[in-house]
Amino acid sequence: MSDSLSIDDLFDRRLDFPDMGAARRLARLVGIDEAKTRLTKVLGVLVNPAGPREWAEKHHKDASIALDYLERRPPLVILAGDVGTGKTALSETVGDAVARQEKIGVTLYPLSLATRGSGKVGEMTRLLSAAFDATLLAAEKLKRSSGKASGGIIFLVDEADAVTQSRESAQMHHEDRAGVNAFIRGVDRLAEKQLPVAVVLCTNRLSAIDPAVQRRAAEIFDFDRPGDKQRRAVIEDPLTELGFDKTQIDHIVKLTGGEKDAVGYTFSDLTQRLLPTLILDAYPDRPVRFERAVEIIHAMKATPRFRDGKAT
C-alpha cells in the first residue's frame, strides 16, 4: 500500500458490528425479508467458514465434498436492481445480522468515492490496489489456524458500475479497463488466501458490470420495486399510528402501486418521501388526514425507473 494513502483515505467511515443503530435500520427494512435472510447466510459463510463446518459436524459429518464446493465460492456478492429498492441500506446494515449470527465482530469497509480516482493515468488502479492491500492486511490479522476467524470484513462498493464497468465497451477508457483488472485481481487475491472478507457490490445496472466480475460472484441478488404486500409491510404500522383504518390503508397501498403506465413507489419513496411529507404537511397545527394524504400521493411522482444509465 502506498505510504501516502491511509486506510481513512481509501474508505469512508468504517462501522463495527454488532451495532444497535444498524440493527434498528435493518429491522426497518421490511418487505425484503428473504433477501435479508439469504444475504446474511451467504456473507456469514464467507467471513466465517468455520460456521458451516460446525454445522456439518452436527448434521452431516460425511459432507466434505459438498462443504468444499461451498467454501471455494468467490468472496463476492452483487446486489442489483432499480433505484430505491433497499440495496444500499441492506448492504450497509446486514453486517449486524452477520455478526450476531456468526458470533464474531464484523467491520464494514465502504470504498470511498475518492478511491475511484480523477481519471489520471494509473490512478484508479493504484487506489483500488491500495484498498485491497489494506483490506487484505486487516483480514490476515483476523484469520486463525482453528478456522474460526476472530472477526470479519465486508468490503462495500456502492454504485459499483463506476468501478467494474464492462471492458467489452468500445468506448471504455484504458484507465477504466485497468481499474477493472485491478478489482478482479483484488477479489482473486482474497479468494486465494481464503480470508474472512466478503466483497459486496451494489449497482442499478447489472448489465454494465464486467462479465468476469459477474462470473466471480458467489450470488447475485435481484431487487425490484415493492409489490402490494411489501408496500403494506412498510406503511401499515406508521399509518395505523397516525389513525388510518384498514380501508384507508388499502387505498393508499393501491395508489402507491402506480396507475396505468406509471411505476410504483420504491421503498425509499415510501420511507423518505411519502411518510415524512404527510407529517410535515400537517405539522404544526393539525393532524394527518386521509383525504389530504390522497391528494399528496396524487401530486407526488414515484422515482423514475433506472434503465441503462438513465432514469426513464
Protein backbone atom coordinates (compact mmCIF):
# COMPACT_ATOMS: atom_id res chain seq x y z
CA MET A 1 0.00 0.00 0.00
CA SER A 2 1.28 3.45 -0.86
CA ASP A 3 2.83 5.35 2.03
CA SER A 4 0.83 8.42 1.03
CA LEU A 5 -2.53 6.67 1.47
CA SER A 6 -4.04 5.83 4.84
CA ILE A 7 -6.97 3.49 5.38
CA ASP A 8 -9.11 6.56 6.07
CA ASP A 9 -8.25 7.89 2.60
CA LEU A 10 -9.41 4.68 0.97
CA PHE A 11 -12.63 4.02 2.85
CA ASP A 12 -15.49 6.13 4.12
CA ARG A 13 -16.44 5.87 7.80
CA ARG A 14 -15.96 2.26 8.86
CA LEU A 15 -18.61 0.73 11.10
CA ASP A 16 -18.15 -2.07 13.59
CA PHE A 17 -20.92 -4.63 14.17
CA PRO A 18 -22.87 -5.59 16.13
CA ASP A 19 -24.29 -2.08 16.37
CA MET A 20 -27.72 -1.17 17.74
CA GLY A 21 -28.22 1.68 15.30
CA ALA A 22 -27.55 -0.61 12.36
CA ALA A 23 -29.81 -3.26 13.90
CA ARG A 24 -32.69 -0.77 14.05
CA ARG A 25 -32.13 0.32 10.44
CA LEU A 26 -32.00 -3.30 9.32
CA ALA A 27 -35.22 -4.13 11.18
CA ARG A 28 -37.00 -1.26 9.40
CA LEU A 29 -36.14 -2.76 6.00
CA VAL A 30 -39.43 -4.61 5.79
CA GLY A 31 -40.64 -6.35 2.67
CA ILE A 32 -37.23 -7.82 1.74
CA ASP A 33 -37.03 -10.45 4.47
CA GLU A 34 -35.98 -13.26 2.12
CA ALA A 35 -33.09 -11.20 0.76
CA LYS A 36 -32.01 -10.23 4.29
CA THR A 37 -32.00 -13.85 5.47
CA ARG A 38 -30.21 -15.25 2.42
CA LEU A 39 -27.61 -12.46 2.28
CA THR A 40 -26.86 -12.88 5.99
CA LYS A 41 -26.16 -16.59 5.42
CA VAL A 42 -24.04 -16.02 2.31
CA LEU A 43 -21.91 -13.35 3.98
CA GLY A 44 -21.71 -15.35 7.20
CA VAL A 45 -20.17 -18.29 5.37
CA LEU A 46 -17.71 -16.04 3.54
CA VAL A 47 -16.41 -14.27 6.65
CA ASN A 48 -16.52 -17.35 8.89
CA PRO A 49 -16.04 -20.66 7.02
CA ALA A 50 -15.80 -22.46 10.35
CA GLY A 51 -19.54 -21.96 10.77
CA PRO A 52 -20.58 -24.47 8.06
CA ARG A 53 -18.00 -26.96 9.36
CA GLU A 54 -19.53 -26.81 12.83
CA TRP A 55 -22.98 -27.24 11.26
CA ALA A 56 -21.79 -30.24 9.20
CA GLU A 57 -20.21 -31.86 12.26
CA LYS A 58 -23.64 -31.80 13.88
CA HIS A 59 -25.86 -32.67 10.93
CA HIS A 60 -23.78 -34.12 8.02
CA LYS A 61 -20.42 -35.47 9.16
CA ASP A 62 -19.60 -37.01 5.77
CA ALA A 63 -20.40 -33.93 3.67
CA SER A 64 -16.77 -32.97 2.95
CA ILE A 65 -17.20 -32.66 -0.84
CA ALA A 66 -20.34 -30.50 -0.56
CA LEU A 67 -18.63 -28.31 2.03
CA ASP A 68 -15.59 -27.92 -0.22
CA TYR A 69 -17.76 -26.52 -3.01
CA LEU A 70 -19.35 -24.09 -0.57
CA GLU A 71 -16.03 -22.90 0.83
CA ARG A 72 -14.47 -22.41 -2.61
CA ARG A 73 -17.06 -19.89 -3.74
CA PRO A 74 -15.50 -16.48 -4.51
CA PRO A 75 -15.86 -13.86 -1.75
CA LEU A 76 -18.07 -11.65 -3.92
CA VAL A 77 -21.79 -10.84 -3.84
CA ILE A 78 -23.68 -8.47 -6.16
CA LEU A 79 -26.85 -6.62 -5.18
CA ALA A 80 -28.53 -5.36 -8.35
CA GLY A 81 -31.81 -3.67 -9.11
CA ASP A 82 -33.80 -0.49 -9.52
CA VAL A 83 -33.17 2.66 -7.52
CA GLY A 84 -34.71 2.93 -4.07
CA THR A 85 -35.26 -0.80 -3.63
CA GLY A 86 -33.17 -1.22 -0.48
CA LYS A 87 -29.84 -2.45 -1.89
CA THR A 88 -27.58 0.12 -0.30
CA ALA A 89 -29.44 0.26 3.02
CA LEU A 90 -29.26 -3.53 3.28
CA SER A 91 -25.57 -3.68 2.35
CA GLU A 92 -24.74 -1.03 4.96
CA THR A 93 -26.58 -2.77 7.81
CA VAL A 94 -26.54 -6.52 7.11
CA GLY A 95 -23.17 -6.76 8.85
CA ASP A 96 -25.05 -6.51 12.13
CA ALA A 97 -27.05 -9.65 11.36
CA VAL A 98 -23.89 -11.44 10.18
CA ALA A 99 -22.04 -10.53 13.38
CA ARG A 100 -24.88 -11.79 15.56
CA GLN A 101 -25.36 -14.98 13.53
CA GLU A 102 -21.67 -15.91 13.49
CA LYS A 103 -20.92 -14.50 16.98
CA ILE A 104 -17.91 -12.54 15.75
CA GLY A 105 -17.16 -8.87 15.23
CA VAL A 106 -17.66 -7.62 11.66
CA THR A 107 -16.38 -4.32 10.22
CA LEU A 108 -17.84 -2.55 7.18
CA TYR A 109 -15.25 -1.06 4.80
CA PRO A 110 -17.18 1.23 2.40
CA LEU A 111 -14.97 2.11 -0.56
CA SER A 112 -14.58 5.89 -0.74
CA LEU A 113 -15.67 7.71 -3.89
CA ALA A 114 -12.23 9.32 -3.84
CA THR A 115 -10.72 5.86 -4.31
CA ARG A 116 -12.20 5.80 -7.81
CA GLY A 117 -9.73 8.49 -8.82
CA SER A 118 -9.99 11.57 -11.01
CA GLY A 119 -9.15 9.92 -14.31
CA LYS A 120 -5.37 10.36 -14.23
CA VAL A 121 -3.41 7.57 -15.85
CA GLY A 122 -2.83 4.77 -13.38
CA GLU A 123 -4.67 6.48 -10.53
CA MET A 124 -7.72 4.23 -10.25
CA THR A 125 -5.57 1.12 -10.49
CA ARG A 126 -3.26 2.39 -7.76
CA LEU A 127 -6.11 3.37 -5.45
CA LEU A 128 -8.06 0.14 -5.90
CA SER A 129 -4.94 -1.93 -5.39
CA ALA A 130 -4.21 0.04 -2.21
CA ALA A 131 -7.77 -0.54 -0.96
CA PHE A 132 -7.44 -4.29 -1.47
CA ASP A 133 -3.98 -4.24 0.14
CA ALA A 134 -5.41 -2.52 3.23
CA THR A 135 -8.31 -4.97 3.40
CA LEU A 136 -6.03 -7.98 2.97
CA LEU A 137 -3.69 -6.75 5.71
CA ALA A 138 -6.55 -6.23 8.15
CA ALA A 139 -8.15 -9.59 7.28
CA GLU A 140 -4.92 -11.54 7.76
CA LYS A 141 -4.90 -10.40 11.38
CA LEU A 142 -8.36 -11.90 11.85
CA LYS A 143 -7.62 -15.34 10.41
CA ARG A 144 -6.98 -18.15 12.88
CA SER A 145 -5.45 -21.59 12.32
CA SER A 146 -8.50 -23.13 14.02
CA GLY A 147 -10.64 -21.99 11.08
CA LYS A 148 -12.96 -19.71 13.05
CA ALA A 149 -11.97 -16.13 12.38
CA SER A 150 -11.73 -13.66 15.25
CA GLY A 151 -13.64 -11.17 13.08
CA GLY A 152 -14.79 -10.47 9.54
CA ILE A 153 -14.76 -7.64 6.98
CA ILE A 154 -17.39 -6.55 4.46
CA PHE A 155 -15.75 -4.58 1.64
CA LEU A 156 -18.60 -2.50 0.17
CA VAL A 157 -18.61 -0.86 -3.27
CA ASP A 158 -21.72 1.23 -3.90
CA GLU A 159 -22.51 2.38 -7.46
CA ALA A 160 -20.21 -0.43 -8.48
CA ASP A 161 -20.67 0.01 -12.24
CA ALA A 162 -18.39 3.06 -11.92
CA VAL A 163 -15.56 0.74 -10.85
CA THR A 164 -16.35 -2.55 -12.58
CA GLN A 165 -17.82 -1.38 -15.88
CA SER A 166 -17.67 -3.96 -18.66
CA ARG A 167 -14.41 -3.97 -20.59
CA GLU A 168 -16.37 -5.07 -23.67
CA SER A 169 -17.48 -1.47 -24.28
CA ALA A 170 -15.70 0.04 -27.26
CA GLN A 171 -15.88 3.49 -25.65
CA MET A 172 -14.21 2.38 -22.42
CA HIS A 173 -11.10 4.34 -21.48
CA HIS A 174 -7.85 2.45 -20.92
CA GLU A 175 -7.67 3.70 -17.33
CA ASP A 176 -11.12 2.25 -16.60
CA ARG A 177 -10.09 -1.10 -18.09
CA ALA A 178 -7.03 -1.13 -15.87
CA GLY A 179 -9.22 -0.34 -12.85
CA VAL A 180 -11.47 -3.33 -13.57
CA ASN A 181 -8.41 -5.54 -13.89
CA ALA A 182 -7.18 -4.29 -10.51
CA PHE A 183 -10.55 -5.04 -8.94
CA ILE A 184 -10.59 -8.59 -10.33
CA ARG A 185 -7.04 -9.20 -9.11
CA GLY A 186 -8.05 -7.96 -5.68
CA VAL A 187 -11.01 -10.34 -5.43
CA ASP A 188 -8.85 -13.23 -6.65
CA ARG A 189 -6.19 -12.47 -4.03
CA LEU A 190 -8.78 -12.55 -1.24
CA ALA A 191 -10.17 -15.83 -2.58
CA GLU A 192 -6.73 -17.42 -2.90
CA LYS A 193 -5.83 -16.62 0.70
CA GLN A 194 -9.31 -17.62 1.97
CA LEU A 195 -9.52 -14.61 4.24
CA PRO A 196 -12.57 -13.62 6.32
CA VAL A 197 -13.68 -10.97 3.83
CA ALA A 198 -16.81 -10.59 1.70
CA VAL A 199 -16.90 -8.08 -1.16
CA VAL A 200 -20.35 -6.60 -1.80
CA LEU A 201 -21.16 -4.66 -4.98
CA CYS A 202 -24.32 -2.56 -5.31
CA THR A 203 -25.46 -1.45 -8.75
CA ASN A 204 -28.51 -0.16 -10.62
CA ARG A 205 -27.05 -1.54 -13.86
CA LEU A 206 -26.15 -5.21 -13.66
CA SER A 207 -25.72 -5.30 -17.44
CA ALA A 208 -22.93 -2.72 -17.11
CA ILE A 209 -20.87 -4.89 -14.74
CA ASP A 210 -17.97 -6.67 -16.44
CA PRO A 211 -18.82 -10.32 -17.24
CA ALA A 212 -15.66 -11.53 -15.49
CA VAL A 213 -16.82 -9.78 -12.31
CA GLN A 214 -20.29 -11.28 -12.62
CA ARG A 215 -18.83 -14.76 -13.10
CA ARG A 216 -16.91 -14.41 -9.85
CA ALA A 217 -20.00 -13.59 -7.82
CA ALA A 218 -20.99 -16.27 -5.32
CA GLU A 219 -24.53 -14.90 -5.66
CA ILE A 220 -26.36 -12.11 -7.46
CA PHE A 221 -29.38 -10.67 -5.66
CA ASP A 222 -32.03 -9.02 -7.81
CA PHE A 223 -34.07 -6.21 -6.21
CA ASP A 224 -37.27 -4.81 -7.67
CA ARG A 225 -39.86 -2.27 -6.61
CA PRO A 226 -42.12 -3.41 -3.78
CA GLY A 227 -45.41 -5.11 -4.63
CA ASP A 228 -48.67 -4.58 -2.76
CA LYS A 229 -47.69 -6.88 0.10
CA GLN A 230 -44.30 -5.24 0.52
CA ARG A 231 -45.66 -1.68 0.39
CA ARG A 232 -48.24 -2.62 3.02
CA ALA A 233 -45.50 -4.02 5.23
CA VAL A 234 -43.72 -0.64 5.07
CA ILE A 235 -46.64 1.75 5.60
CA GLU A 236 -49.21 -0.20 7.66
CA ASP A 237 -47.72 0.39 11.11
CA PRO A 238 -46.88 4.10 10.71
CA LEU A 239 -50.24 4.87 9.10
CA THR A 240 -52.06 2.95 11.82
CA GLU A 241 -50.18 5.07 14.37
CA LEU A 242 -51.46 8.16 12.52
CA GLY A 243 -55.06 6.98 12.86
CA PHE A 244 -55.73 5.44 9.43
CA ASP A 245 -58.09 2.45 9.30
CA LYS A 246 -57.67 -0.72 7.23
CA THR A 247 -59.80 0.50 4.31
CA GLN A 248 -57.84 3.73 4.09
CA ILE A 249 -54.51 1.89 4.20
CA ASP A 250 -55.75 -0.50 1.47
CA HIS A 251 -56.49 2.53 -0.71
CA ILE A 252 -53.04 4.05 -0.15
CA VAL A 253 -51.36 0.72 -0.91
CA LYS A 254 -53.22 0.70 -4.23
CA LEU A 255 -52.42 4.34 -5.04
CA THR A 256 -48.69 3.90 -4.42
CA GLY A 257 -48.57 0.93 -6.78
CA GLY A 258 -48.75 3.13 -9.86
CA GLU A 259 -51.68 3.68 -12.20
CA LYS A 260 -51.84 2.76 -15.88
CA ASP A 261 -48.24 3.00 -17.18
CA ALA A 262 -46.85 4.79 -14.13
CA VAL A 263 -44.30 2.98 -11.98
CA GLY A 264 -45.00 2.22 -8.34
CA TYR A 265 -43.28 3.77 -5.35
CA THR A 266 -39.87 2.50 -4.30
CA PHE A 267 -39.06 1.65 -0.69
CA SER A 268 -37.25 4.97 -0.33
CA ASP A 269 -40.19 6.82 -1.91
CA LEU A 270 -42.34 5.46 0.90
CA THR A 271 -39.96 5.92 3.82
CA GLN A 272 -38.00 9.02 2.82
CA ARG A 273 -40.61 10.99 0.90
CA LEU A 274 -44.23 9.98 1.46
CA LEU A 275 -44.40 9.30 5.20
CA PRO A 276 -42.27 12.34 6.19
CA THR A 277 -44.28 14.54 3.78
CA LEU A 278 -47.57 13.50 5.39
CA ILE A 279 -46.27 14.57 8.79
CA LEU A 280 -44.64 17.80 7.62
CA ASP A 281 -47.76 18.77 5.70
CA ALA A 282 -49.85 18.56 8.90
CA TYR A 283 -47.23 19.98 11.27
CA PRO A 284 -47.50 22.01 13.48
CA ASP A 285 -51.20 22.69 13.96
CA ARG A 286 -53.35 19.85 12.58
CA PRO A 287 -53.48 16.05 12.40
CA VAL A 288 -52.63 13.93 9.38
CA ARG A 289 -55.85 13.21 7.49
CA PHE A 290 -56.63 10.52 4.92
CA GLU A 291 -58.16 12.87 2.34
CA ARG A 292 -55.10 15.09 2.39
CA ALA A 293 -52.82 12.04 2.15
CA VAL A 294 -54.60 11.01 -1.07
CA GLU A 295 -54.06 14.50 -2.52
CA ILE A 296 -50.36 14.35 -1.67
CA ILE A 297 -49.95 10.92 -3.28
CA HIS A 298 -51.63 12.11 -6.49
CA ALA A 299 -49.23 15.08 -6.62
CA MET A 300 -46.11 13.08 -5.73
CA LYS A 301 -44.46 11.14 -8.55
CA ALA A 302 -42.56 7.93 -7.87
CA THR A 303 -38.84 7.89 -8.61
CA PRO A 304 -38.40 7.11 -12.33
CA ARG A 305 -37.19 3.62 -13.19
CA PHE A 306 -33.46 3.40 -13.86
CA ARG A 307 -32.53 1.88 -17.21
CA ASP A 308 -29.04 1.59 -18.73
CA GLY A 309 -27.54 4.68 -17.22
CA LYS A 310 -30.59 6.94 -17.20
CA ALA A 311 -33.92 7.26 -15.48
CA THR A 312 -36.96 6.58 -17.66
